[in-house]
């Protein structure tokens, strides 16, 4: 997922994507705590993707306010 793809989405779609990423992040942390997580880099990727979505949402909110 890159920023260009995210900028094409509506704010509602971005909020849904953020919700899905937060759920994924929770599931990955749970797997890590129970020792089932094989690739710990997935946690970092999920966290960064969520931050990317939040950034795009803030950009859209700022441009809508102007």
N, C-alpha and C. Protein backbone atom coordinates (compact mmCIF):
# COMPACT_ATOMS: atom_id res chain seq x y z
N UNK A 1 0.85 -1.17 0.00
CA UNK A 1 0.00 0.00 0.00
C UNK A 1 0.90 1.23 0.00
N UNK A 2 0.66 2.11 -0.95
CA UNK A 2 1.44 3.35 -0.97
C UNK A 2 0.52 4.55 -0.86
N UNK A 3 1.12 5.70 -0.65
CA UNK A 3 0.35 6.92 -0.41
C UNK A 3 -0.49 7.31 -1.61
N UNK A 4 -0.01 7.05 -2.81
CA UNK A 4 -0.76 7.43 -4.00
C UNK A 4 -2.10 6.68 -4.06
N UNK A 5 -2.08 5.40 -3.73
CA UNK A 5 -3.33 4.61 -3.71
C UNK A 5 -4.27 5.14 -2.64
N UNK A 6 -3.73 5.53 -1.50
CA UNK A 6 -4.55 6.02 -0.39
C UNK A 6 -5.19 7.37 -0.71
N UNK A 7 -4.48 8.21 -1.44
CA UNK A 7 -5.02 9.54 -1.76
C UNK A 7 -6.23 9.45 -2.70
N UNK A 8 -6.34 8.34 -3.43
CA UNK A 8 -7.48 8.15 -4.33
C UNK A 8 -8.74 7.72 -3.60
N UNK A 9 -8.61 7.30 -2.35
CA UNK A 9 -9.76 6.81 -1.59
C UNK A 9 -10.48 7.95 -0.88
N UNK A 10 -11.75 7.70 -0.54
CA UNK A 10 -12.54 8.69 0.19
C UNK A 10 -12.19 8.60 1.68
N UNK A 11 -12.51 9.64 2.45
CA UNK A 11 -12.24 9.59 3.89
C UNK A 11 -12.92 8.41 4.60
N UNK A 12 -14.13 8.04 4.16
CA UNK A 12 -14.80 6.89 4.78
C UNK A 12 -14.04 5.60 4.50
N UNK A 13 -13.55 5.45 3.29
CA UNK A 13 -12.76 4.26 2.95
C UNK A 13 -11.46 4.24 3.75
N UNK A 14 -10.87 5.41 3.96
CA UNK A 14 -9.63 5.48 4.74
C UNK A 14 -9.88 5.11 6.20
N UNK A 15 -11.01 5.57 6.76
CA UNK A 15 -11.32 5.22 8.14
C UNK A 15 -11.53 3.71 8.28
N UNK A 16 -12.17 3.10 7.30
CA UNK A 16 -12.37 1.66 7.32
C UNK A 16 -11.03 0.93 7.22
N UNK A 17 -10.16 1.43 6.36
CA UNK A 17 -8.82 0.85 6.21
C UNK A 17 -8.03 0.96 7.50
N UNK A 18 -8.14 2.11 8.18
CA UNK A 18 -7.45 2.31 9.45
C UNK A 18 -7.97 1.34 10.50
N UNK A 19 -9.26 1.13 10.53
CA UNK A 19 -9.85 0.18 11.47
C UNK A 19 -9.31 -1.23 11.21
N UNK A 20 -9.24 -1.61 9.95
CA UNK A 20 -8.72 -2.94 9.60
C UNK A 20 -7.25 -3.07 9.99
N UNK A 21 -6.48 -2.02 9.80
CA UNK A 21 -5.06 -2.07 10.15
C UNK A 21 -4.86 -2.17 11.66
N UNK A 22 -5.71 -1.49 12.41
CA UNK A 22 -5.61 -1.58 13.87
C UNK A 22 -5.95 -2.99 14.36
N UNK A 23 -6.96 -3.60 13.74
CA UNK A 23 -7.31 -4.98 14.09
C UNK A 23 -6.17 -5.92 13.74
N UNK A 24 -5.56 -5.70 12.58
CA UNK A 24 -4.44 -6.54 12.16
C UNK A 24 -3.27 -6.38 13.12
N UNK A 25 -3.00 -5.14 13.54
CA UNK A 25 -1.92 -4.88 14.47
C UNK A 25 -2.17 -5.59 15.80
N UNK A 26 -3.40 -5.54 16.28
CA UNK A 26 -3.75 -6.22 17.52
C UNK A 26 -3.52 -7.72 17.39
N UNK A 27 -3.99 -8.29 16.28
CA UNK A 27 -3.83 -9.73 16.07
C UNK A 27 -2.36 -10.13 15.99
N UNK A 28 -1.56 -9.30 15.36
CA UNK A 28 -0.13 -9.60 15.26
C UNK A 28 0.55 -9.53 16.63
N UNK A 29 0.18 -8.53 17.44
CA UNK A 29 0.75 -8.44 18.79
C UNK A 29 0.32 -9.63 19.64
N UNK A 30 -0.91 -10.07 19.46
CA UNK A 30 -1.40 -11.22 20.20
C UNK A 30 -0.63 -12.48 19.79
N UNK A 31 -0.40 -12.64 18.49
CA UNK A 31 0.38 -13.79 18.01
C UNK A 31 1.80 -13.76 18.55
N UNK A 32 2.38 -12.56 18.63
CA UNK A 32 3.74 -12.45 19.15
C UNK A 32 3.78 -12.83 20.62
N UNK A 33 2.79 -12.41 21.37
CA UNK A 33 2.76 -12.70 22.81
C UNK A 33 2.60 -14.18 23.07
N UNK A 34 1.90 -14.88 22.18
CA UNK A 34 1.70 -16.32 22.37
C UNK A 34 2.76 -17.16 21.67
N UNK A 35 3.70 -16.48 20.99
CA UNK A 35 4.79 -17.21 20.35
C UNK A 35 4.43 -17.80 18.99
N UNK A 36 3.36 -17.36 18.38
CA UNK A 36 2.93 -17.92 17.10
C UNK A 36 3.38 -17.08 15.92
N UNK A 37 3.91 -15.89 16.16
CA UNK A 37 4.28 -14.99 15.07
C UNK A 37 5.62 -15.42 14.49
N UNK A 38 5.64 -15.65 13.18
CA UNK A 38 6.87 -16.09 12.53
C UNK A 38 7.68 -14.92 11.98
N UNK A 39 6.99 -13.91 11.46
CA UNK A 39 7.67 -12.78 10.85
C UNK A 39 7.34 -11.51 11.64
N UNK A 40 8.26 -11.10 12.49
CA UNK A 40 7.99 -9.95 13.34
C UNK A 40 7.99 -8.63 12.57
N UNK A 41 8.47 -8.62 11.35
CA UNK A 41 8.47 -7.40 10.54
C UNK A 41 7.06 -6.99 10.15
N UNK A 42 6.11 -7.91 10.23
CA UNK A 42 4.72 -7.59 9.91
C UNK A 42 4.16 -6.56 10.87
N UNK A 43 4.60 -6.59 12.12
CA UNK A 43 4.11 -5.64 13.12
C UNK A 43 4.52 -4.22 12.71
N UNK A 44 5.76 -4.08 12.33
CA UNK A 44 6.27 -2.77 11.91
C UNK A 44 5.54 -2.28 10.67
N UNK A 45 5.31 -3.16 9.72
CA UNK A 45 4.62 -2.79 8.48
C UNK A 45 3.20 -2.34 8.76
N UNK A 46 2.50 -3.05 9.63
CA UNK A 46 1.12 -2.70 9.97
C UNK A 46 1.07 -1.34 10.66
N UNK A 47 2.03 -1.11 11.56
CA UNK A 47 2.08 0.16 12.28
C UNK A 47 2.35 1.32 11.32
N UNK A 48 3.25 1.11 10.40
CA UNK A 48 3.59 2.17 9.44
C UNK A 48 2.45 2.43 8.46
N UNK A 49 1.76 1.36 8.05
CA UNK A 49 0.61 1.55 7.17
C UNK A 49 -0.49 2.34 7.86
N UNK A 50 -0.70 2.06 9.14
CA UNK A 50 -1.72 2.80 9.90
C UNK A 50 -1.31 4.28 9.99
N UNK A 51 -0.05 4.54 10.22
CA UNK A 51 0.42 5.92 10.28
C UNK A 51 0.25 6.61 8.93
N UNK A 52 0.49 5.87 7.86
CA UNK A 52 0.33 6.43 6.51
C UNK A 52 -1.12 6.82 6.27
N UNK A 53 -2.05 5.96 6.69
CA UNK A 53 -3.48 6.25 6.51
C UNK A 53 -3.87 7.47 7.34
N UNK A 54 -3.38 7.56 8.57
CA UNK A 54 -3.69 8.70 9.41
C UNK A 54 -3.17 10.00 8.80
N UNK A 55 -2.00 9.95 8.21
CA UNK A 55 -1.42 11.13 7.57
C UNK A 55 -2.29 11.60 6.42
N UNK A 56 -2.73 10.68 5.59
CA UNK A 56 -3.57 11.03 4.44
C UNK A 56 -4.92 11.58 4.92
N UNK A 57 -5.47 10.98 5.97
CA UNK A 57 -6.74 11.48 6.53
C UNK A 57 -6.58 12.92 7.02
N UNK A 58 -5.47 13.19 7.70
CA UNK A 58 -5.23 14.56 8.19
C UNK A 58 -5.04 15.53 7.04
N UNK A 59 -4.37 15.10 5.98
CA UNK A 59 -4.19 15.97 4.81
C UNK A 59 -5.54 16.30 4.18
N UNK A 60 -6.40 15.28 4.07
CA UNK A 60 -7.72 15.51 3.48
C UNK A 60 -8.56 16.44 4.37
N UNK A 61 -8.49 16.26 5.68
CA UNK A 61 -9.24 17.10 6.59
C UNK A 61 -8.75 18.55 6.52
N UNK A 62 -7.46 18.74 6.42
CA UNK A 62 -6.90 20.08 6.34
C UNK A 62 -7.31 20.77 5.03
N UNK A 63 -7.27 20.02 3.93
CA UNK A 63 -7.63 20.63 2.66
C UNK A 63 -9.14 20.93 2.59
N UNK A 64 -9.95 20.12 3.27
CA UNK A 64 -11.40 20.35 3.30
C UNK A 64 -11.73 21.58 4.14
N UNK A 65 -10.93 21.84 5.16
CA UNK A 65 -11.18 22.96 6.05
C UNK A 65 -10.82 24.30 5.40
N UNK A 66 -9.95 24.26 4.42
CA UNK A 66 -9.52 25.50 3.77
C UNK A 66 -10.47 25.98 2.73
